[in-house]
Amino acid sequence: MMSRYFVMIYAAVFLGLAGCSFEAEPPADWSQSDRESVIEAAAAQIGNTEYEFGAGRTEAEREEGIFDCSSFVHWAFEQEGMKLGSMRGVTTDTLKHKGERISPEEMQTGDLVFFDTYKKDGHVGIYIGNGEYIGAQESTGAAVESLEEGYWSSVFNEHVRRI
């Protein structure tokens, strides 16, 4: 009797938590101008951020401009009202499953781009067009980088997601 009660409570808690963790798809009216607004929010942080691995999960860190790549991407989308999951739990591993995977040839402004750094899909940024992306990098904080030359082109793994 006790074990059935435990299983029912465990299932209720697990299903309740799992239900809370799923995020809705972008609203039907989510437009290219909304994606550009995400980029504008991110670009406003250039020169105002510091990179720290695992940072950006608390309000205090975000207010101080301390992010890692995934929290920075999450924060930028959140500025336009798009939740990409829990800020406390956001990682490149959670972001690489959001939206729809598309080919690099189909990339548009606002798509997520992934890089193989310390692991597969270990870094993420937001495509801004013209072969460039914006993200939070260890060496620069928030910055625009090239997908076509230099270090980031060598680790860009062509994993692109459209939110």
N, C-alpha and C. Protein backbone atom coordinates (compact mmCIF):
# COMPACT_ATOMS: atom_id res chain seq x y z
N MET A 1 0.83 -1.18 0.00
CA MET A 1 0.00 0.00 0.00
C MET A 1 0.88 1.25 0.00
N MET A 2 1.88 1.27 0.84
CA MET A 2 2.76 2.43 0.93
C MET A 2 3.52 2.62 -0.38
N SER A 3 3.95 1.53 -1.00
CA SER A 3 4.73 1.68 -2.23
C SER A 3 3.87 2.23 -3.37
N ARG A 4 2.60 1.85 -3.46
CA ARG A 4 1.73 2.38 -4.49
C ARG A 4 1.52 3.88 -4.27
N TYR A 5 1.36 4.28 -3.01
CA TYR A 5 1.21 5.69 -2.66
C TYR A 5 2.45 6.48 -3.08
N PHE A 6 3.62 5.93 -2.80
CA PHE A 6 4.89 6.57 -3.16
C PHE A 6 5.00 6.72 -4.67
N VAL A 7 4.65 5.69 -5.42
CA VAL A 7 4.72 5.72 -6.87
C VAL A 7 3.77 6.78 -7.42
N MET A 8 2.58 6.88 -6.86
CA MET A 8 1.62 7.87 -7.35
C MET A 8 2.12 9.29 -7.08
N ILE A 9 2.69 9.52 -5.90
CA ILE A 9 3.22 10.86 -5.58
C ILE A 9 4.41 11.16 -6.48
N TYR A 10 5.32 10.20 -6.63
CA TYR A 10 6.48 10.40 -7.47
C TYR A 10 6.04 10.73 -8.90
N ALA A 11 5.07 9.98 -9.43
CA ALA A 11 4.59 10.23 -10.79
C ALA A 11 3.96 11.61 -10.91
N ALA A 12 3.19 12.01 -9.93
CA ALA A 12 2.55 13.32 -9.97
C ALA A 12 3.59 14.43 -9.93
N VAL A 13 4.57 14.29 -9.07
CA VAL A 13 5.62 15.31 -8.97
C VAL A 13 6.44 15.34 -10.25
N PHE A 14 6.86 14.17 -10.74
CA PHE A 14 7.67 14.11 -11.94
C PHE A 14 6.92 14.69 -13.13
N LEU A 15 5.67 14.27 -13.32
CA LEU A 15 4.90 14.77 -14.46
C LEU A 15 4.61 16.25 -14.31
N GLY A 16 4.39 16.70 -13.11
CA GLY A 16 4.17 18.13 -12.88
C GLY A 16 5.40 18.93 -13.22
N LEU A 17 6.57 18.47 -12.78
CA LEU A 17 7.81 19.18 -13.09
C LEU A 17 8.13 19.11 -14.57
N ALA A 18 7.91 17.96 -15.16
CA ALA A 18 8.19 17.82 -16.58
C ALA A 18 7.28 18.74 -17.38
N GLY A 19 6.03 18.82 -16.98
CA GLY A 19 5.10 19.71 -17.68
C GLY A 19 5.52 21.16 -17.59
N CYS A 20 6.12 21.53 -16.49
CA CYS A 20 6.55 22.91 -16.32
C CYS A 20 7.78 23.23 -17.14
N SER A 21 8.54 22.22 -17.48
CA SER A 21 9.80 22.49 -18.17
C SER A 21 9.64 22.65 -19.68
N PHE A 22 8.53 22.20 -20.24
CA PHE A 22 8.35 22.33 -21.67
C PHE A 22 7.95 23.75 -22.02
N GLU A 23 8.53 24.28 -23.04
CA GLU A 23 8.23 25.65 -23.46
C GLU A 23 7.41 25.61 -24.74
N ALA A 24 6.59 26.60 -24.88
CA ALA A 24 5.76 26.71 -26.07
C ALA A 24 6.62 27.06 -27.27
N GLU A 25 6.15 26.70 -28.42
CA GLU A 25 6.80 27.12 -29.67
C GLU A 25 6.60 28.62 -29.82
N PRO A 26 7.38 29.25 -30.69
CA PRO A 26 7.19 30.68 -30.90
C PRO A 26 5.75 30.97 -31.31
N PRO A 27 5.21 32.10 -30.86
CA PRO A 27 3.85 32.44 -31.28
C PRO A 27 3.76 32.56 -32.79
N ALA A 28 2.57 32.38 -33.32
CA ALA A 28 2.38 32.43 -34.77
C ALA A 28 2.82 33.78 -35.34
N ASP A 29 2.75 34.82 -34.53
CA ASP A 29 3.13 36.15 -35.03
C ASP A 29 4.60 36.49 -34.77
N TRP A 30 5.41 35.50 -34.37
CA TRP A 30 6.85 35.69 -34.16
C TRP A 30 7.47 35.95 -35.52
N SER A 31 7.97 37.15 -35.72
CA SER A 31 8.38 37.58 -37.06
C SER A 31 9.88 37.81 -37.16
N GLN A 32 10.32 38.10 -38.37
CA GLN A 32 11.73 38.42 -38.57
C GLN A 32 12.10 39.69 -37.81
N SER A 33 11.17 40.63 -37.69
CA SER A 33 11.48 41.84 -36.93
C SER A 33 11.67 41.51 -35.44
N ASP A 34 10.95 40.50 -34.93
CA ASP A 34 11.16 40.04 -33.55
C ASP A 34 12.57 39.47 -33.41
N ARG A 35 13.01 38.70 -34.40
CA ARG A 35 14.36 38.12 -34.37
C ARG A 35 15.41 39.24 -34.41
N GLU A 36 15.16 40.25 -35.20
CA GLU A 36 16.08 41.38 -35.27
C GLU A 36 16.12 42.15 -33.96
N SER A 37 14.99 42.20 -33.25
CA SER A 37 14.97 42.83 -31.93
C SER A 37 15.81 42.05 -30.93
N VAL A 38 15.82 40.72 -31.06
CA VAL A 38 16.69 39.89 -30.22
C VAL A 38 18.14 40.28 -30.45
N ILE A 39 18.51 40.44 -31.72
CA ILE A 39 19.88 40.81 -32.06
C ILE A 39 20.22 42.20 -31.54
N GLU A 40 19.28 43.12 -31.64
CA GLU A 40 19.51 44.47 -31.12
C GLU A 40 19.76 44.45 -29.62
N ALA A 41 19.00 43.64 -28.89
CA ALA A 41 19.21 43.52 -27.44
C ALA A 41 20.60 42.96 -27.16
N ALA A 42 20.98 41.93 -27.92
CA ALA A 42 22.31 41.34 -27.74
C ALA A 42 23.41 42.34 -28.08
N ALA A 43 23.25 43.05 -29.18
CA ALA A 43 24.27 44.01 -29.63
C ALA A 43 24.45 45.14 -28.64
N ALA A 44 23.39 45.52 -27.94
CA ALA A 44 23.49 46.59 -26.94
C ALA A 44 24.41 46.20 -25.79
N GLN A 45 24.70 44.90 -25.67
CA GLN A 45 25.56 44.43 -24.58
C GLN A 45 27.04 44.37 -24.95
N ILE A 46 27.36 44.63 -26.21
CA ILE A 46 28.77 44.63 -26.63
C ILE A 46 29.52 45.70 -25.84
N GLY A 47 30.61 45.29 -25.24
CA GLY A 47 31.41 46.19 -24.42
C GLY A 47 30.91 46.33 -22.99
N ASN A 48 29.79 45.70 -22.69
CA ASN A 48 29.19 45.81 -21.36
C ASN A 48 29.09 44.48 -20.63
N THR A 49 29.73 43.45 -21.15
CA THR A 49 29.61 42.13 -20.54
C THR A 49 30.98 41.52 -20.26
N GLU A 50 30.92 40.55 -19.38
CA GLU A 50 32.09 39.74 -19.04
C GLU A 50 31.66 38.28 -19.17
N TYR A 51 32.54 37.45 -19.72
CA TYR A 51 32.24 36.03 -19.87
C TYR A 51 32.74 35.28 -18.64
N GLU A 52 31.89 34.41 -18.13
CA GLU A 52 32.29 33.48 -17.08
C GLU A 52 31.52 32.19 -17.30
N PHE A 53 32.22 31.09 -17.48
CA PHE A 53 31.58 29.80 -17.72
C PHE A 53 30.59 29.50 -16.59
N GLY A 54 29.36 29.17 -16.96
CA GLY A 54 28.32 28.84 -15.99
C GLY A 54 27.60 30.04 -15.41
N ALA A 55 27.97 31.24 -15.81
CA ALA A 55 27.36 32.45 -15.24
C ALA A 55 26.13 32.89 -16.02
N GLY A 56 25.45 33.88 -15.48
CA GLY A 56 24.27 34.44 -16.11
C GLY A 56 22.99 33.76 -15.67
N ARG A 57 23.08 32.88 -14.70
CA ARG A 57 21.89 32.16 -14.26
C ARG A 57 21.11 32.92 -13.19
N THR A 58 21.76 33.87 -12.53
CA THR A 58 21.07 34.64 -11.49
C THR A 58 20.82 36.06 -11.98
N GLU A 59 19.82 36.69 -11.40
CA GLU A 59 19.51 38.07 -11.77
C GLU A 59 20.69 38.99 -11.46
N ALA A 60 21.36 38.74 -10.34
CA ALA A 60 22.51 39.58 -9.96
C ALA A 60 23.62 39.51 -11.01
N GLU A 61 23.91 38.31 -11.52
CA GLU A 61 24.95 38.16 -12.56
C GLU A 61 24.53 38.88 -13.84
N ARG A 62 23.28 38.72 -14.22
CA ARG A 62 22.81 39.36 -15.45
C ARG A 62 22.85 40.88 -15.31
N GLU A 63 22.47 41.40 -14.15
CA GLU A 63 22.53 42.85 -13.93
C GLU A 63 23.95 43.37 -14.00
N GLU A 64 24.92 42.54 -13.61
CA GLU A 64 26.33 42.92 -13.68
C GLU A 64 26.92 42.67 -15.07
N GLY A 65 26.13 42.05 -15.96
CA GLY A 65 26.60 41.77 -17.31
C GLY A 65 27.54 40.59 -17.38
N ILE A 66 27.35 39.61 -16.50
CA ILE A 66 28.21 38.42 -16.47
C ILE A 66 27.40 37.25 -17.03
N PHE A 67 27.86 36.73 -18.16
CA PHE A 67 27.16 35.66 -18.88
C PHE A 67 28.14 34.60 -19.35
N ASP A 68 27.60 33.43 -19.69
CA ASP A 68 28.31 32.51 -20.57
C ASP A 68 27.52 32.49 -21.87
N CYS A 69 27.93 31.70 -22.83
CA CYS A 69 27.30 31.77 -24.15
C CYS A 69 25.82 31.44 -24.12
N SER A 70 25.44 30.37 -23.42
CA SER A 70 24.04 29.94 -23.44
C SER A 70 23.14 30.88 -22.65
N SER A 71 23.61 31.39 -21.52
CA SER A 71 22.78 32.33 -20.76
C SER A 71 22.62 33.64 -21.52
N PHE A 72 23.65 34.04 -22.28
CA PHE A 72 23.56 35.25 -23.07
C PHE A 72 22.50 35.10 -24.18
N VAL A 73 22.52 33.98 -24.88
CA VAL A 73 21.53 33.72 -25.93
C VAL A 73 20.13 33.69 -25.31
N HIS A 74 19.98 32.97 -24.21
CA HIS A 74 18.69 32.88 -23.52
C HIS A 74 18.21 34.27 -23.14
N TRP A 75 19.08 35.07 -22.54
CA TRP A 75 18.73 36.42 -22.10
C TRP A 75 18.27 37.27 -23.29
N ALA A 76 18.99 37.22 -24.40
CA ALA A 76 18.65 38.03 -25.57
C ALA A 76 17.25 37.69 -26.09
N PHE A 77 16.92 36.40 -26.18
CA PHE A 77 15.59 36.00 -26.63
C PHE A 77 14.53 36.40 -25.61
N GLU A 78 14.86 36.31 -24.36
CA GLU A 78 13.91 36.68 -23.31
C GLU A 78 13.54 38.16 -23.39
N GLN A 79 14.46 39.00 -23.86
CA GLN A 79 14.18 40.43 -23.99
C GLN A 79 13.05 40.70 -24.97
N GLU A 80 12.85 39.77 -25.90
CA GLU A 80 11.77 39.91 -26.88
C GLU A 80 10.56 39.05 -26.49
N GLY A 81 10.59 38.50 -25.27
CA GLY A 81 9.45 37.73 -24.77
C GLY A 81 9.46 36.26 -25.12
N MET A 82 10.57 35.76 -25.66
CA MET A 82 10.65 34.34 -26.02
C MET A 82 11.43 33.59 -24.95
N LYS A 83 10.74 32.72 -24.23
CA LYS A 83 11.37 31.90 -23.20
C LYS A 83 11.96 30.65 -23.86
N LEU A 84 13.21 30.39 -23.58
CA LEU A 84 13.88 29.20 -24.13
C LEU A 84 14.15 28.19 -23.03
N GLY A 85 13.25 28.10 -22.07
CA GLY A 85 13.42 27.20 -20.94
C GLY A 85 13.82 27.99 -19.71
N SER A 86 14.16 27.26 -18.68
CA SER A 86 14.57 27.87 -17.42
C SER A 86 15.95 28.49 -17.55
N MET A 87 16.09 29.74 -17.09
CA MET A 87 17.42 30.38 -17.12
C MET A 87 18.39 29.61 -16.23
N ARG A 88 17.93 29.09 -15.12
CA ARG A 88 18.82 28.35 -14.22
C ARG A 88 19.36 27.08 -14.88
N GLY A 89 18.60 26.49 -15.79
CA GLY A 89 19.01 25.23 -16.39
C GLY A 89 19.50 25.33 -17.83
N VAL A 90 19.63 26.54 -18.36
CA VAL A 90 19.99 26.68 -19.77
C VAL A 90 21.47 26.32 -19.98
N THR A 91 21.70 25.52 -21.01
CA THR A 91 23.05 25.15 -21.44
C THR A 91 23.01 25.00 -22.96
N THR A 92 24.16 24.82 -23.56
CA THR A 92 24.15 24.54 -25.00
C THR A 92 23.41 23.23 -25.27
N ASP A 93 23.49 22.30 -24.33
CA ASP A 93 22.78 21.02 -24.51
C ASP A 93 21.27 21.20 -24.51
N THR A 94 20.73 22.15 -23.74
CA THR A 94 19.28 22.37 -23.77
C THR A 94 18.90 23.17 -25.01
N LEU A 95 19.72 24.14 -25.40
CA LEU A 95 19.40 24.97 -26.56
C LEU A 95 19.49 24.20 -27.87
N LYS A 96 20.34 23.19 -27.94
CA LYS A 96 20.51 22.48 -29.22
C LYS A 96 19.30 21.63 -29.59
N HIS A 97 18.30 21.59 -28.71
CA HIS A 97 17.07 20.86 -29.00
C HIS A 97 15.87 21.79 -29.21
N LYS A 98 16.08 23.09 -29.10
CA LYS A 98 14.98 24.05 -29.27
C LYS A 98 14.73 24.30 -30.75
N GLY A 99 13.50 24.59 -31.08
CA GLY A 99 13.16 24.94 -32.46
C GLY A 99 13.38 23.79 -33.42
N GLU A 100 13.72 24.16 -34.65
CA GLU A 100 13.87 23.19 -35.74
C GLU A 100 15.28 23.27 -36.31
N ARG A 101 15.88 22.11 -36.54
CA ARG A 101 17.20 22.09 -37.16
C ARG A 101 17.05 22.41 -38.64
N ILE A 102 17.93 23.29 -39.13
CA ILE A 102 17.91 23.67 -40.54
C ILE A 102 19.32 23.58 -41.09
N SER A 103 19.44 23.60 -42.40
CA SER A 103 20.77 23.55 -43.01
C SER A 103 21.42 24.94 -42.95
N PRO A 104 22.74 25.00 -42.94
CA PRO A 104 23.43 26.30 -42.93
C PRO A 104 23.05 27.17 -44.13
N GLU A 105 22.70 26.55 -45.25
CA GLU A 105 22.31 27.31 -46.43
C GLU A 105 21.00 28.06 -46.21
N GLU A 106 20.19 27.62 -45.25
CA GLU A 106 18.90 28.24 -44.96
C GLU A 106 18.98 29.26 -43.82
N MET A 107 20.16 29.50 -43.26
CA MET A 107 20.29 30.38 -42.11
C MET A 107 19.69 31.75 -42.36
N GLN A 108 18.99 32.23 -41.33
CA GLN A 108 18.43 33.58 -41.35
C GLN A 108 18.80 34.28 -40.04
N THR A 109 18.69 35.58 -40.08
CA THR A 109 18.93 36.38 -38.90
C THR A 109 18.12 35.82 -37.73
N GLY A 110 18.77 35.64 -36.58
CA GLY A 110 18.10 35.15 -35.38
C GLY A 110 18.20 33.66 -35.15
N ASP A 111 18.76 32.91 -36.10
CA ASP A 111 18.94 31.47 -35.90
C ASP A 111 20.08 31.22 -34.92
N LEU A 112 20.01 30.10 -34.20
CA LEU A 112 21.08 29.71 -33.30
C LEU A 112 22.13 28.93 -34.07
N VAL A 113 23.40 29.24 -33.82
CA VAL A 113 24.51 28.54 -34.46
C VAL A 113 25.37 27.91 -33.37
N PHE A 114 25.87 26.70 -33.64
CA PHE A 114 26.60 25.93 -32.64
C PHE A 114 28.02 25.61 -33.11
N PHE A 115 28.89 25.44 -32.13
CA PHE A 115 30.31 25.25 -32.39
C PHE A 115 30.83 24.11 -31.52
N ASP A 116 31.76 23.34 -32.09
CA ASP A 116 32.44 22.29 -31.33
C ASP A 116 33.69 22.91 -30.70
N THR A 117 33.59 23.22 -29.42
CA THR A 117 34.72 23.81 -28.70
C THR A 117 35.26 22.76 -27.74
N TYR A 118 34.98 22.86 -26.47
CA TYR A 118 35.46 21.86 -25.52
C TYR A 118 34.68 20.56 -25.62
N LYS A 119 33.54 20.59 -26.33
CA LYS A 119 32.74 19.40 -26.60
C LYS A 119 31.88 19.70 -27.83
N LYS A 120 31.21 18.67 -28.36
CA LYS A 120 30.30 18.87 -29.48
C LYS A 120 29.20 19.83 -29.04
N ASP A 121 28.92 20.83 -29.85
CA ASP A 121 27.93 21.85 -29.52
C ASP A 121 28.25 22.54 -28.19
N GLY A 122 29.51 22.81 -27.95
CA GLY A 122 29.94 23.42 -26.69
C GLY A 122 29.79 24.92 -26.63
N HIS A 123 29.48 25.56 -27.75
CA HIS A 123 29.32 27.02 -27.79
C HIS A 123 28.14 27.34 -28.69
N VAL A 124 27.41 28.43 -28.36
CA VAL A 124 26.23 28.84 -29.13
C VAL A 124 26.22 30.36 -29.28
N GLY A 125 25.69 30.79 -30.42
CA GLY A 125 25.51 32.22 -30.66
C GLY A 125 24.28 32.42 -31.54
N ILE A 126 24.04 33.68 -31.91
CA ILE A 126 22.88 34.05 -32.71
C ILE A 126 23.37 34.59 -34.05
N TYR A 127 22.92 33.99 -35.13
CA TYR A 127 23.32 34.43 -36.47
C TYR A 127 22.74 35.82 -36.74
N ILE A 128 23.59 36.74 -37.25
CA ILE A 128 23.13 38.10 -37.51
C ILE A 128 23.17 38.46 -39.00
N GLY A 129 23.55 37.50 -39.83
CA GLY A 129 23.62 37.76 -41.26
C GLY A 129 25.04 38.05 -41.71
N ASN A 130 25.25 38.08 -43.01
CA ASN A 130 26.55 38.39 -43.61
C ASN A 130 27.69 37.54 -43.07
N GLY A 131 27.39 36.28 -42.76
CA GLY A 131 28.43 35.36 -42.29
C GLY A 131 28.93 35.66 -40.89
N GLU A 132 28.12 36.33 -40.07
CA GLU A 132 28.54 36.68 -38.71
C GLU A 132 27.50 36.25 -37.68
N TYR A 133 27.97 36.12 -36.45
CA TYR A 133 27.07 35.82 -35.34
C TYR A 133 27.47 36.68 -34.15
N ILE A 134 26.54 36.82 -33.22
CA ILE A 134 26.81 37.51 -31.97
C ILE A 134 26.67 36.50 -30.84
N GLY A 135 27.58 36.58 -29.90
CA GLY A 135 27.54 35.69 -28.75
C GLY A 135 28.45 36.20 -27.67
N ALA A 136 28.46 35.48 -26.56
CA ALA A 136 29.36 35.80 -25.45
C ALA A 136 30.53 34.82 -25.52
N GLN A 137 31.71 35.36 -25.73
CA GLN A 137 32.91 34.55 -25.85
C GLN A 137 33.84 34.81 -24.65
N GLU A 138 34.60 33.80 -24.29
CA GLU A 138 35.52 33.92 -23.16
C GLU A 138 36.51 35.06 -23.36
N SER A 139 37.01 35.23 -24.57
CA SER A 139 38.05 36.23 -24.81
C SER A 139 37.52 37.66 -24.93
N THR A 140 36.22 37.82 -25.22
CA THR A 140 35.71 39.15 -25.54
C THR A 140 34.46 39.57 -24.78
N GLY A 141 33.77 38.66 -24.12
CA GLY A 141 32.42 38.97 -23.66
C GLY A 141 31.53 39.02 -24.89
N ALA A 142 30.45 39.79 -24.83
CA ALA A 142 29.55 39.88 -25.99
C ALA A 142 30.28 40.53 -27.15
N ALA A 143 30.23 39.87 -28.31
CA ALA A 143 30.93 40.38 -29.49
C ALA A 143 30.36 39.75 -30.75
N VAL A 144 30.63 40.40 -31.87
CA VAL A 144 30.29 39.86 -33.19
C VAL A 144 31.53 39.15 -33.71
N GLU A 145 31.31 37.93 -34.23
CA GLU A 145 32.40 37.11 -34.75
C GLU A 145 32.04 36.57 -36.13
N SER A 146 33.05 36.19 -36.88
CA SER A 146 32.85 35.66 -38.23
C SER A 146 32.67 34.14 -38.22
N LEU A 147 31.74 33.68 -39.04
CA LEU A 147 31.58 32.25 -39.29
C LEU A 147 32.40 31.80 -40.48
N GLU A 148 33.00 32.75 -41.18
CA GLU A 148 33.66 32.45 -42.44
C GLU A 148 35.18 32.49 -42.39
N GLU A 149 35.75 33.04 -41.32
CA GLU A 149 37.20 33.08 -41.21
C GLU A 149 37.60 33.08 -39.74
N GLY A 150 38.83 32.71 -39.49
CA GLY A 150 39.33 32.72 -38.13
C GLY A 150 38.90 31.51 -37.32
N TYR A 151 39.10 31.62 -36.02
CA TYR A 151 38.84 30.50 -35.10
C TYR A 151 37.41 29.98 -35.20
N TRP A 152 36.43 30.87 -35.15
CA TRP A 152 35.03 30.41 -35.10
C TRP A 152 34.63 29.67 -36.36
N SER A 153 35.20 30.02 -37.50
CA SER A 153 34.88 29.28 -38.72
C SER A 153 35.43 27.85 -38.63
N SER A 154 36.54 27.69 -37.94
CA SER A 154 37.16 26.36 -37.84
C SER A 154 36.42 25.43 -36.88
N VAL A 155 35.61 25.98 -35.98
CA VAL A 155 34.87 25.14 -35.03
C VAL A 155 33.36 25.17 -35.26
N PHE A 156 32.89 25.98 -36.23
CA PHE A 156 31.47 25.99 -36.57
C PHE A 156 31.13 24.62 -37.16
N ASN A 157 30.18 23.92 -36.54
CA ASN A 157 29.88 22.55 -36.96
C ASN A 157 28.65 22.44 -37.86
N GLU A 158 28.15 23.58 -38.33
CA GLU A 158 27.00 23.65 -39.22
C GLU A 158 25.69 23.20 -38.57
N HIS A 159 25.67 23.15 -37.24
CA HIS A 159 24.43 22.88 -36.52
C HIS A 159 23.72 24.23 -36.34
N VAL A 160 22.57 24.36 -36.98
CA VAL A 160 21.80 25.61 -36.96
C VAL A 160 20.36 25.26 -36.55
N ARG A 161 19.80 26.07 -35.65
CA ARG A 161 18.43 25.86 -35.19
C ARG A 161 17.63 27.14 -35.35
N ARG A 162 16.44 26.99 -35.84
CA ARG A 162 15.52 28.12 -35.97
C ARG A 162 14.49 28.03 -34.86
N ILE A 163 14.43 29.08 -34.06
CA ILE A 163 13.48 29.16 -32.96
C ILE A 163 12.17 29.72 -33.49
